[in-house]
């Protein structure tokens, strides 16, 4: 069950732009505290985020890990919003365009300002295994957007996905530290990945009433599964990483 949100009911209607290619209209309102979980999708010119905190929006918009977002008020992780944005009729924004639109939304409606600092962080490095990857190149049309979905905790399916897509999905949803892609793989691939999560994974998803780690412990852990099923290697290390330090952020005004 989500914590209730101490905000007045609001709906903000705004215009945001992506790469100077025209506006999209978005609505922002507090999430229903009785609805568990959260999700985000972009499909057919429509962006939808439900149960999203401002920190999760920052993580999505700037492709960073939670540990790379520093400072900010406590409500950054407690206040949750439902956001729906539509592109101009006939426009199909790319994944990067949607992220730019959310960056503008964060600046315009949440007053977000920040600066960058370098900090040595605990990270994971993803590299190709000694025998080469076991990934299957996609047969999807070049215009088909990548799709990475979790069917359950520890069950991932990918179609037309790049290594960057895979890395971002793991560090947004699964792992407790950023991931550096050192595979050297530049193609798009179809693959599945099945593993038994540990108690440190999917921390942001495992809210009361939301999905939980399965009790069945039979099967490979994430590192072993990545090696056996994808022909890749994931190992812990330390490396300098960019950190966003929040200078200012505010709740969206009633509109």
C-alpha atoms as a PDB file:
ATOM      1  CA  UNK A   1       0.000   0.000   0.000  1.00  0.00           C
ATOM      2  CA  UNK A   2       1.358   3.407  -0.897  1.00  0.00           C
ATOM      3  CA  UNK A   3       1.697   6.168   1.624  1.00  0.00           C
ATOM      4  CA  UNK A   4      -0.897   8.878   1.180  1.00  0.00           C
ATOM      5  CA  UNK A   5       0.284  12.036  -0.539  1.00  0.00           C
ATOM      6  CA  UNK A   6      -0.160  15.295   1.339  1.00  0.00           C
ATOM      7  CA  UNK A   7      -0.876  17.368  -1.758  1.00  0.00           C
ATOM      8  CA  UNK A   8      -3.973  19.171  -2.936  1.00  0.00           C
ATOM      9  CA  UNK A   9      -5.648  17.550  -5.907  1.00  0.00           C
ATOM     10  CA  UNK A  10      -4.137  19.050  -9.003  1.00  0.00           C
ATOM     11  CA  UNK A  11      -3.936  18.624 -12.713  1.00  0.00           C
ATOM     12  CA  UNK A  12      -1.240  20.556 -14.533  1.00  0.00           C
ATOM     13  CA  UNK A  13      -1.626  21.029 -18.271  1.00  0.00           C
ATOM     14  CA  UNK A  14       1.529  22.124 -19.995  1.00  0.00           C
ATOM     15  CA  UNK A  15       3.360  22.197 -23.285  1.00  0.00           C
ATOM     16  CA  UNK A  16       6.757  20.596 -23.648  1.00  0.00           C
ATOM     17  CA  UNK A  17       9.028  20.423 -26.686  1.00  0.00           C
ATOM     18  CA  UNK A  18      11.361  17.767 -28.047  1.00  0.00           C
ATOM     19  CA  UNK A  19      14.290  18.680 -30.281  1.00  0.00           C
ATOM     20  CA  UNK A  20      12.381  21.748 -31.518  1.00  0.00           C
ATOM     21  CA  UNK A  21       9.938  19.475 -33.373  1.00  0.00           C
ATOM     22  CA  UNK A  22       6.720  20.656 -31.797  1.00  0.00           C
ATOM     23  CA  UNK A  23       4.859  20.492 -28.491  1.00  0.00           C
ATOM     24  CA  UNK A  24       3.258  17.662 -26.574  1.00  0.00           C
ATOM     25  CA  UNK A  25       0.461  18.245 -24.055  1.00  0.00           C
ATOM     26  CA  UNK A  26       0.957  16.609 -20.656  1.00  0.00           C
ATOM     27  CA  UNK A  27      -1.178  16.210 -17.541  1.00  0.00           C
ATOM     28  CA  UNK A  28       0.288  15.696 -14.070  1.00  0.00           C
ATOM     29  CA  UNK A  29      -1.705  14.638 -11.037  1.00  0.00           C
ATOM     30  CA  UNK A  30      -0.997  12.911  -7.717  1.00  0.00           C
ATOM     31  CA  UNK A  31      -1.222   9.119  -7.895  1.00  0.00           C
ATOM     32  CA  UNK A  32      -3.993   7.208  -6.187  1.00  0.00           C
ATOM     33  CA  UNK A  33      -2.353   6.042  -2.934  1.00  0.00           C
ATOM     34  CA  UNK A  34      -4.464   2.861  -3.022  1.00  0.00           C
ATOM     35  CA  UNK A  35      -2.901   1.657  -6.287  1.00  0.00           C
ATOM     36  CA  UNK A  36       0.403  -0.183  -5.705  1.00  0.00           C
ATOM     37  CA  UNK A  37       3.447  -0.271  -7.962  1.00  0.00           C
ATOM     38  CA  UNK A  38       4.619   2.007 -10.726  1.00  0.00           C
ATOM     39  CA  UNK A  39       5.213   1.873 -14.471  1.00  0.00           C
ATOM     40  CA  UNK A  40       6.221   3.840 -17.553  1.00  0.00           C
ATOM     41  CA  UNK A  41       5.498   3.352 -21.241  1.00  0.00           C
ATOM     42  CA  UNK A  42       5.855   5.191 -24.551  1.00  0.00           C
ATOM     43  CA  UNK A  43       3.628   3.964 -27.328  1.00  0.00           C
ATOM     44  CA  UNK A  44       1.905   5.434 -30.410  1.00  0.00           C
ATOM     45  CA  UNK A  45       2.803   9.040 -29.615  1.00  0.00           C
ATOM     46  CA  UNK A  46       1.769   8.726 -25.965  1.00  0.00           C
ATOM     47  CA  UNK A  47       3.940   8.884 -22.839  1.00  0.00           C
ATOM     48  CA  UNK A  48       2.480   7.462 -19.640  1.00  0.00           C
ATOM     49  CA  UNK A  49       3.999   7.213 -16.157  1.00  0.00           C
ATOM     50  CA  UNK A  50       1.995   5.988 -13.169  1.00  0.00           C
ATOM     51  CA  UNK A  51       3.051   6.038  -9.519  1.00  0.00           C
ATOM     52  CA  UNK A  52       6.280   7.817 -10.470  1.00  0.00           C
ATOM     53  CA  UNK A  53       8.285   9.842  -7.974  1.00  0.00           C
ATOM     54  CA  UNK A  54      10.307  12.838  -9.085  1.00  0.00           C
ATOM     55  CA  UNK A  55      13.511  10.895  -8.462  1.00  0.00           C
ATOM     56  CA  UNK A  56      12.280   8.138 -10.798  1.00  0.00           C
ATOM     57  CA  UNK A  57      11.456  10.769 -13.436  1.00  0.00           C
ATOM     58  CA  UNK A  58      14.998  12.162 -13.142  1.00  0.00           C
ATOM     59  CA  UNK A  59      16.464   8.664 -13.443  1.00  0.00           C
ATOM     60  CA  UNK A  60      14.402   8.038 -16.590  1.00  0.00           C
ATOM     61  CA  UNK A  61      14.991  11.428 -18.221  1.00  0.00           C
ATOM     62  CA  UNK A  62      18.758  11.510 -17.688  1.00  0.00           C
ATOM     63  CA  UNK A  63      19.562   7.778 -17.943  1.00  0.00           C
ATOM     64  CA  UNK A  64      21.250   7.664 -14.546  1.00  0.00           C
ATOM     65  CA  UNK A  65      21.201   5.285 -11.596  1.00  0.00           C
ATOM     66  CA  UNK A  66      19.546   6.210  -8.315  1.00  0.00           C
ATOM     67  CA  UNK A  67      23.002   6.568  -6.688  1.00  0.00           C
ATOM     68  CA  UNK A  68      23.868   9.221  -9.287  1.00  0.00           C
ATOM     69  CA  UNK A  69      21.116  11.571  -8.064  1.00  0.00           C
ATOM     70  CA  UNK A  70      22.281  13.374  -4.938  1.00  0.00           C
ATOM     71  CA  UNK A  71      20.532  15.694  -2.454  1.00  0.00           C
ATOM     72  CA  UNK A  72      16.935  16.872  -2.723  1.00  0.00           C
ATOM     73  CA  UNK A  73      14.010  16.897  -0.252  1.00  0.00           C
ATOM     74  CA  UNK A  74      12.487  13.761   1.242  1.00  0.00           C
ATOM     75  CA  UNK A  75       9.307  14.104  -0.864  1.00  0.00           C
ATOM     76  CA  UNK A  76      11.443  13.426  -3.952  1.00  0.00           C
ATOM     77  CA  UNK A  77      10.964   9.734  -3.063  1.00  0.00           C
ATOM     78  CA  UNK A  78       7.556   9.830  -1.381  1.00  0.00           C
ATOM     79  CA  UNK A  79       5.267  12.010  -3.545  1.00  0.00           C
ATOM     80  CA  UNK A  80       4.046  10.005  -6.539  1.00  0.00           C
ATOM     81  CA  UNK A  81       2.481  11.258  -9.740  1.00  0.00           C
ATOM     82  CA  UNK A  82       0.580  10.040 -12.780  1.00  0.00           C
ATOM     83  CA  UNK A  83       1.724  11.745 -15.979  1.00  0.00           C
ATOM     84  CA  UNK A  84       0.286  11.439 -19.472  1.00  0.00           C
ATOM     85  CA  UNK A  85       1.763  13.281 -22.461  1.00  0.00           C
ATOM     86  CA  UNK A  86       0.716  13.186 -26.107  1.00  0.00           C
ATOM     87  CA  UNK A  87       2.817  14.283 -29.043  1.00  0.00           C
ATOM     88  CA  UNK A  88       1.370  16.350 -31.861  1.00  0.00           C
ATOM     89  CA  UNK A  89      -0.917  14.321 -34.106  1.00  0.00           C
ATOM     90  CA  UNK A  90       1.103  12.212 -36.503  1.00  0.00           C
ATOM     91  CA  UNK A  91       4.353  12.536 -34.549  1.00  0.00           C
ATOM     92  CA  UNK A  92       6.072   9.479 -33.106  1.00  0.00           C
ATOM     93  CA  UNK A  93       8.830  10.731 -30.776  1.00  0.00           C
ATOM     94  CA  UNK A  94      11.887   8.531 -30.367  1.00  0.00           C
ATOM     95  CA  UNK A  95      12.880   7.270 -26.902  1.00  0.00           C
ATOM     96  CA  UNK A  96      15.485  10.048 -26.704  1.00  0.00           C
ATOM     97  CA  UNK A  97      12.919  12.710 -27.660  1.00  0.00           C
ATOM     98  CA  UNK A  98      10.594  11.546 -24.882  1.00  0.00           C
ATOM     99  CA  UNK A  99      13.451  11.835 -22.403  1.00  0.00           C
ATOM    100  CA  UNK A 100      14.201  15.373 -23.561  1.00  0.00           C
ATOM    101  CA  UNK A 101      10.521  16.241 -23.106  1.00  0.00           C
ATOM    102  CA  UNK A 102      10.579  14.869 -19.555  1.00  0.00           C
ATOM    103  CA  UNK A 103      13.750  16.882 -18.860  1.00  0.00           C
ATOM    104  CA  UNK A 104      11.872  20.014 -19.927  1.00  0.00           C
ATOM    105  CA  UNK A 105       8.852  19.007 -17.856  1.00  0.00           C
ATOM    106  CA  UNK A 106      11.081  18.611 -14.777  1.00  0.00           C
ATOM    107  CA  UNK A 107      12.577  22.055 -15.349  1.00  0.00           C
ATOM    108  CA  UNK A 108       9.315  23.865 -16.182  1.00  0.00           C
ATOM    109  CA  UNK A 109       6.846  22.291 -13.764  1.00  0.00           C
ATOM    110  CA  UNK A 110       9.053  21.033 -10.923  1.00  0.00           C
ATOM    111  CA  UNK A 111      11.610  23.860 -11.113  1.00  0.00           C
ATOM    112  CA  UNK A 112      14.472  21.365 -11.200  1.00  0.00           C
ATOM    113  CA  UNK A 113      17.995  22.772 -11.294  1.00  0.00           C
ATOM    114  CA  UNK A 114      21.186  20.834 -10.614  1.00  0.00           C
ATOM    115  CA  UNK A 115      24.917  20.716 -11.198  1.00  0.00           C
ATOM    116  CA  UNK A 116      27.318  17.884 -12.016  1.00  0.00           C
ATOM    117  CA  UNK A 117      30.122  16.483  -9.891  1.00  0.00           C
ATOM    118  CA  UNK A 118      32.499  13.548 -10.387  1.00  0.00           C
ATOM    119  CA  UNK A 119      32.496  10.917  -7.683  1.00  0.00           C
ATOM    120  CA  UNK A 120      34.032   7.464  -7.382  1.00  0.00           C
ATOM    121  CA  UNK A 121      31.169   5.008  -7.086  1.00  0.00           C
ATOM    122  CA  UNK A 122      30.720   1.286  -6.779  1.00  0.00           C
ATOM    123  CA  UNK A 123      29.628   0.170 -10.256  1.00  0.00           C
ATOM    124  CA  UNK A 124      29.165  -2.929 -12.361  1.00  0.00           C
ATOM    125  CA  UNK A 125      31.087  -3.400 -15.607  1.00  0.00           C
ATOM    126  CA  UNK A 126      29.352  -5.371 -18.375  1.00  0.00           C
ATOM    127  CA  UNK A 127      31.779  -6.990 -20.809  1.00  0.00           C
ATOM    128  CA  UNK A 128      31.684  -9.679 -23.492  1.00  0.00           C
ATOM    129  CA  UNK A 129      32.511 -13.177 -22.249  1.00  0.00           C
ATOM    130  CA  UNK A 130      35.577 -15.106 -23.391  1.00  0.00           C
ATOM    131  CA  UNK A 131      33.540 -17.174 -25.834  1.00  0.00           C
ATOM    132  CA  UNK A 132      31.684 -14.180 -27.279  1.00  0.00           C
ATOM    133  CA  UNK A 133      28.078 -13.154 -26.786  1.00  0.00           C
ATOM    134  CA  UNK A 134      25.122 -15.495 -27.302  1.00  0.00           C
ATOM    135  CA  UNK A 135      22.792 -12.680 -28.333  1.00  0.00           C
ATOM    136  CA  UNK A 136      20.546 -13.036 -31.392  1.00  0.00           C
ATOM    137  CA  UNK A 137      20.561 -10.033 -33.765  1.00  0.00           C
ATOM    138  CA  UNK A 138      17.025  -8.735 -34.242  1.00  0.00           C
ATOM    139  CA  UNK A 139      15.096  -9.137 -37.458  1.00  0.00           C
ATOM    140  CA  UNK A 140      12.875  -6.182 -36.570  1.00  0.00           C
ATOM    141  CA  UNK A 141      12.582  -3.197 -38.862  1.00  0.00           C
ATOM    142  CA  UNK A 142      15.023  -0.411 -38.046  1.00  0.00           C
ATOM    143  CA  UNK A 143      12.091   1.857 -37.125  1.00  0.00           C
ATOM    144  CA  UNK A 144      10.701  -0.573 -34.546  1.00  0.00           C
ATOM    145  CA  UNK A 145      11.408   0.869 -31.074  1.00  0.00           C
ATOM    146  CA  UNK A 146      13.280  -1.292 -28.543  1.00  0.00           C
ATOM    147  CA  UNK A 147      11.178  -3.187 -26.043  1.00  0.00           C
ATOM    148  CA  UNK A 148      12.452  -4.532 -22.706  1.00  0.00           C
ATOM    149  CA  UNK A 149       9.847  -5.919 -20.330  1.00  0.00           C
ATOM    150  CA  UNK A 150       9.879  -7.693 -16.975  1.00  0.00           C
ATOM    151  CA  UNK A 151       7.276 -10.462 -16.990  1.00  0.00           C
ATOM    152  CA  UNK A 152       8.064 -11.062 -13.325  1.00  0.00           C
ATOM    153  CA  UNK A 153      10.924 -10.309 -10.962  1.00  0.00           C
ATOM    154  CA  UNK A 154      13.876 -12.116 -12.521  1.00  0.00           C
ATOM    155  CA  UNK A 155      12.222 -12.677 -15.923  1.00  0.00           C
ATOM    156  CA  UNK A 156      13.213 -10.257 -18.672  1.00  0.00           C
ATOM    157  CA  UNK A 157      12.405 -10.251 -22.375  1.00  0.00           C
ATOM    158  CA  UNK A 158      14.044  -7.941 -24.921  1.00  0.00           C
ATOM    159  CA  UNK A 159      13.343  -7.261 -28.588  1.00  0.00           C
ATOM    160  CA  UNK A 160      15.344  -4.957 -30.869  1.00  0.00           C
ATOM    161  CA  UNK A 161      17.281  -3.795 -27.794  1.00  0.00           C
ATOM    162  CA  UNK A 162      20.799  -2.373 -27.678  1.00  0.00           C
ATOM    163  CA  UNK A 163      23.290  -2.975 -24.897  1.00  0.00           C
ATOM    164  CA  UNK A 164      22.584   0.591 -23.753  1.00  0.00           C
ATOM    165  CA  UNK A 165      18.875  -0.304 -23.439  1.00  0.00           C
ATOM    166  CA  UNK A 166      19.769  -3.430 -21.454  1.00  0.00           C
ATOM    167  CA  UNK A 167      22.147  -1.560 -19.137  1.00  0.00           C
ATOM    168  CA  UNK A 168      19.643   1.218 -18.475  1.00  0.00           C
ATOM    169  CA  UNK A 169      16.885  -1.276 -17.704  1.00  0.00           C
ATOM    170  CA  UNK A 170      19.040  -3.201 -15.232  1.00  0.00           C
ATOM    171  CA  UNK A 171      20.297  -0.124 -13.419  1.00  0.00           C
ATOM    172  CA  UNK A 172      16.859   1.518 -13.283  1.00  0.00           C
ATOM    173  CA  UNK A 173      14.964  -1.522 -12.064  1.00  0.00           C
ATOM    174  CA  UNK A 174      17.242  -4.233 -10.706  1.00  0.00           C
ATOM    175  CA  UNK A 175      20.660  -3.322  -9.372  1.00  0.00           C
ATOM    176  CA  UNK A 176      21.901  -1.156  -6.526  1.00  0.00           C
ATOM    177  CA  UNK A 177      24.642   0.621  -8.505  1.00  0.00           C
ATOM    178  CA  UNK A 178      25.318   2.033 -12.005  1.00  0.00           C
ATOM    179  CA  UNK A 179      26.453  -0.185 -14.879  1.00  0.00           C
ATOM    180  CA  UNK A 180      29.187   0.661 -17.389  1.00  0.00           C
ATOM    181  CA  UNK A 181      28.763  -0.915 -20.829  1.00  0.00           C
ATOM    182  CA  UNK A 182      32.138  -2.254 -21.967  1.00  0.00           C
ATOM    183  CA  UNK A 183      30.828  -4.978 -24.305  1.00  0.00           C
ATOM    184  CA  UNK A 184      31.729  -3.176 -27.535  1.00  0.00           C
ATOM    185  CA  UNK A 185      28.454  -4.501 -29.019  1.00  0.00           C
ATOM    186  CA  UNK A 186      26.665  -1.922 -31.157  1.00  0.00           C
ATOM    187  CA  UNK A 187      23.799  -3.947 -32.667  1.00  0.00           C
ATOM    188  CA  UNK A 188      20.187  -4.558 -31.647  1.00  0.00           C
ATOM    189  CA  UNK A 189      19.241  -7.940 -30.237  1.00  0.00           C
ATOM    190  CA  UNK A 190      16.403 -10.225 -29.167  1.00  0.00           C
ATOM    191  CA  UNK A 191      16.981 -12.177 -25.959  1.00  0.00           C
ATOM    192  CA  UNK A 192      15.483 -13.419 -22.726  1.00  0.00           C
ATOM    193  CA  UNK A 193      17.088 -13.545 -19.296  1.00  0.00           C
ATOM    194  CA  UNK A 194      15.810 -15.622 -16.372  1.00  0.00           C
ATOM    195  CA  UNK A 195      17.374 -15.640 -12.906  1.00  0.00           C
ATOM    196  CA  UNK A 196      16.587 -15.844  -9.209  1.00  0.00           C
ATOM    197  CA  UNK A 197      16.790 -12.317  -7.700  1.00  0.00           C
ATOM    198  CA  UNK A 198      18.450 -11.740  -4.337  1.00  0.00           C
ATOM    199  CA  UNK A 199      17.187  -9.510  -1.535  1.00  0.00           C
ATOM    200  CA  UNK A 200      19.120  -6.476  -2.815  1.00  0.00           C
ATOM    201  CA  UNK A 201      17.595  -6.447  -6.302  1.00  0.00           C
ATOM    202  CA  UNK A 202      14.389  -4.712  -7.436  1.00  0.00           C
ATOM    203  CA  UNK A 203      14.447  -2.639  -4.235  1.00  0.00           C
ATOM    204  CA  UNK A 204      12.364   0.183  -5.737  1.00  0.00           C
ATOM    205  CA  UNK A 205       9.708  -2.214  -7.051  1.00  0.00           C
ATOM    206  CA  UNK A 206       9.209  -4.330  -3.929  1.00  0.00           C
ATOM    207  CA  UNK A 207       6.742  -2.034  -2.206  1.00  0.00           C
ATOM    208  CA  UNK A 208       3.937  -3.337   0.033  1.00  0.00           C
ATOM    209  CA  UNK A 209       1.262  -4.750  -2.230  1.00  0.00           C
ATOM    210  CA  UNK A 210       3.621  -4.820  -5.218  1.00  0.00           C
ATOM    211  CA  UNK A 211       5.542  -7.700  -6.799  1.00  0.00           C
ATOM    212  CA  UNK A 212       7.801  -9.689  -4.510  1.00  0.00           C
ATOM    213  CA  UNK A 213      10.859 -11.900  -5.001  1.00  0.00           C
ATOM    214  CA  UNK A 214       9.714 -15.508  -5.601  1.00  0.00           C
ATOM    215  CA  UNK A 215      10.227 -17.917  -2.731  1.00  0.00           C
ATOM    216  CA  UNK A 216      11.646 -20.560  -5.101  1.00  0.00           C
ATOM    217  CA  UNK A 217      15.445 -20.235  -4.871  1.00  0.00           C
ATOM    218  CA  UNK A 218      16.274 -22.835  -7.521  1.00  0.00           C
ATOM    219  CA  UNK A 219      18.042 -21.371 -10.524  1.00  0.00           C
ATOM    220  CA  UNK A 220      20.966 -19.149 -11.456  1.00  0.00           C
ATOM    221  CA  UNK A 221      21.737 -15.802  -9.848  1.00  0.00           C
ATOM    222  CA  UNK A 222      21.933 -12.720 -12.087  1.00  0.00           C
ATOM    223  CA  UNK A 223      25.690 -12.805 -12.736  1.00  0.00           C
ATOM    224  CA  UNK A 224      25.630 -16.516 -13.592  1.00  0.00           C
ATOM    225  CA  UNK A 225      22.523 -16.146 -15.766  1.00  0.00           C
ATOM    226  CA  UNK A 226      24.050 -13.276 -17.755  1.00  0.00           C
ATOM    227  CA  UNK A 227      27.139 -15.367 -18.410  1.00  0.00           C
ATOM    228  CA  UNK A 228      25.341 -18.618 -19.246  1.00  0.00           C
ATOM    229  CA  UNK A 229      22.379 -17.229 -21.186  1.00  0.00           C
ATOM    230  CA  UNK A 230      23.829 -14.112 -22.875  1.00  0.00           C
ATOM    231  CA  UNK A 231      27.550 -14.840 -23.066  1.00  0.00           C
ATOM    232  CA  UNK A 232      28.319 -11.624 -21.171  1.00  0.00           C
ATOM    233  CA  UNK A 233      30.122 -10.919 -17.925  1.00  0.00           C
ATOM    234  CA  UNK A 234      28.950  -8.640 -15.113  1.00  0.00           C
ATOM    235  CA  UNK A 235      31.419  -7.826 -12.346  1.00  0.00           C
ATOM    236  CA  UNK A 236      31.600  -5.335  -9.495  1.00  0.00           C
ATOM    237  CA  UNK A 237      34.286  -2.633  -9.510  1.00  0.00           C
ATOM    238  CA  UNK A 238      34.824   1.053  -8.697  1.00  0.00           C
ATOM    239  CA  UNK A 239      35.031   3.860 -11.252  1.00  0.00           C
ATOM    240  CA  UNK A 240      34.579   7.648 -11.511  1.00  0.00           C
ATOM    241  CA  UNK A 241      30.972   8.474 -12.386  1.00  0.00           C
ATOM    242  CA  UNK A 242      28.969  11.599 -13.055  1.00  0.00           C
ATOM    243  CA  UNK A 243      26.632  12.601 -10.201  1.00  0.00           C
ATOM    244  CA  UNK A 244      23.703  15.026 -10.469  1.00  0.00           C
ATOM    245  CA  UNK A 245      23.532  17.218  -7.361  1.00  0.00           C
ATOM    246  CA  UNK A 246      20.084  18.777  -7.008  1.00  0.00           C
ATOM    247  CA  UNK A 247      20.177  22.505  -6.244  1.00  0.00           C
ATOM    248  CA  UNK A 248      16.440  23.210  -6.365  1.00  0.00           C
ATOM    249  CA  UNK A 249      13.185  21.338  -6.922  1.00  0.00           C
ATOM    250  CA  UNK A 250       9.580  22.099  -6.002  1.00  0.00           C
ATOM    251  CA  UNK A 251       6.207  20.423  -6.073  1.00  0.00           C
ATOM    252  CA  UNK A 252       4.240  21.348  -9.211  1.00  0.00           C
ATOM    253  CA  UNK A 253       1.883  24.270  -8.692  1.00  0.00           C
ATOM    254  CA  UNK A 254      -1.877  23.821  -8.879  1.00  0.00           C
ATOM    255  CA  UNK A 255      -3.121  24.805 -12.326  1.00  0.00           C
END
